[in-house]
Amino acid sequence: MPSLKSIFKPVADLFIRLEIMDQQNRLDAAKAGKMQMPMAVRGPWSVANTLRDIDPQTAKAIIKESEQRIKDLQAKLG
């Protein structure tokens, strides 16, 4: 019988990969001087333009935060 870890590890890895993709999108938007509106604000089925302009200082903070989060998540994947 397979262990619980062998069953749930692929599922956990999938969610980590999804978060990495989300952070990469956030990073790309910040490099372009934009910020993606959170899903909680826009709703999950929103088709409106969810990018908003941000100032350079906020963009730098988002870039730094996203890069660190991506590194942490990639370390979890191994």
Protein backbone atom coordinates (compact mmCIF):
# COMPACT_ATOMS: atom_id res chain seq x y z
CA MET A 1 0.00 0.00 0.00
CA PRO A 2 1.42 3.41 -0.93
CA SER A 3 2.33 5.80 1.85
CA LEU A 4 0.41 9.02 2.39
CA LYS A 5 3.51 11.01 1.48
CA SER A 6 3.75 9.31 -1.91
CA ILE A 7 0.10 10.13 -2.56
CA PHE A 8 0.07 13.75 -1.44
CA LYS A 9 3.57 14.87 -2.51
CA PRO A 10 2.62 15.25 -6.22
CA VAL A 11 -0.45 17.28 -5.25
CA ALA A 12 1.58 19.53 -2.97
CA ASP A 13 4.20 19.98 -5.71
CA LEU A 14 1.45 21.00 -8.16
CA PHE A 15 0.28 23.77 -5.83
CA ILE A 16 3.85 24.94 -5.32
CA ARG A 17 4.36 25.10 -9.11
CA LEU A 18 1.11 27.07 -9.49
CA GLU A 19 2.28 29.57 -6.89
CA ILE A 20 5.65 29.89 -8.65
CA MET A 21 3.81 30.69 -11.89
CA ASP A 22 1.67 33.27 -10.06
CA GLN A 23 4.75 34.88 -8.52
CA GLN A 24 6.47 34.93 -11.93
CA ASN A 25 3.46 36.75 -13.43
CA ARG A 26 3.54 39.21 -10.55
CA LEU A 27 7.27 39.73 -11.09
CA ASP A 28 6.85 40.32 -14.83
CA ALA A 29 4.06 42.83 -14.21
CA ALA A 30 6.15 44.72 -11.63
CA LYS A 31 9.08 44.91 -14.06
CA ALA A 32 6.68 46.58 -16.50
CA GLY A 33 5.56 49.07 -13.81
CA LYS A 34 2.20 47.39 -13.27
CA MET A 35 0.53 45.47 -10.47
CA GLN A 36 -1.90 42.60 -10.87
CA MET A 37 -5.04 43.13 -8.81
CA PRO A 38 -5.51 40.27 -6.33
CA MET A 39 -8.21 37.73 -7.11
CA ALA A 40 -9.97 38.64 -3.86
CA VAL A 41 -10.47 42.17 -5.22
CA ARG A 42 -11.34 41.34 -8.83
CA GLY A 43 -13.18 38.05 -8.40
CA PRO A 44 -12.17 34.70 -9.89
CA TRP A 45 -14.05 35.12 -13.18
CA SER A 46 -13.19 38.74 -13.89
CA VAL A 47 -12.25 39.38 -17.52
CA ALA A 48 -11.54 43.08 -16.99
CA ASN A 49 -8.04 44.48 -17.27
CA THR A 50 -6.62 43.77 -13.84
CA LEU A 51 -3.28 45.55 -14.26
CA ARG A 52 -2.81 48.87 -12.50
CA ASP A 53 0.08 51.35 -12.73
CA ILE A 54 2.41 51.53 -9.72
CA ASP A 55 5.28 53.78 -8.71
CA PRO A 56 8.90 52.62 -9.17
CA GLN A 57 9.52 52.18 -5.43
CA THR A 58 6.53 49.84 -5.07
CA ALA A 59 7.65 47.95 -8.19
CA LYS A 60 11.12 47.39 -6.67
CA ALA A 61 9.58 46.08 -3.46
CA ILE A 62 7.31 43.69 -5.37
CA ILE A 63 10.22 42.48 -7.51
CA LYS A 64 12.38 41.79 -4.45
CA GLU A 65 9.53 40.02 -2.63
CA SER A 66 8.56 37.90 -5.63
CA GLU A 67 12.13 36.87 -6.43
CA GLN A 68 12.66 35.74 -2.82
CA ARG A 69 9.33 33.87 -2.77
CA ILE A 70 10.20 32.08 -6.03
CA LYS A 71 13.57 31.00 -4.57
CA ASP A 72 11.87 29.71 -1.41
CA LEU A 73 9.28 27.76 -3.39
CA GLN A 74 11.88 26.25 -5.72
CA ALA A 75 13.84 25.12 -2.66
CA LYS A 76 10.70 23.31 -1.41
CA LEU A 77 10.49 21.44 -4.70
CA GLY A 78 14.07 20.28 -4.27
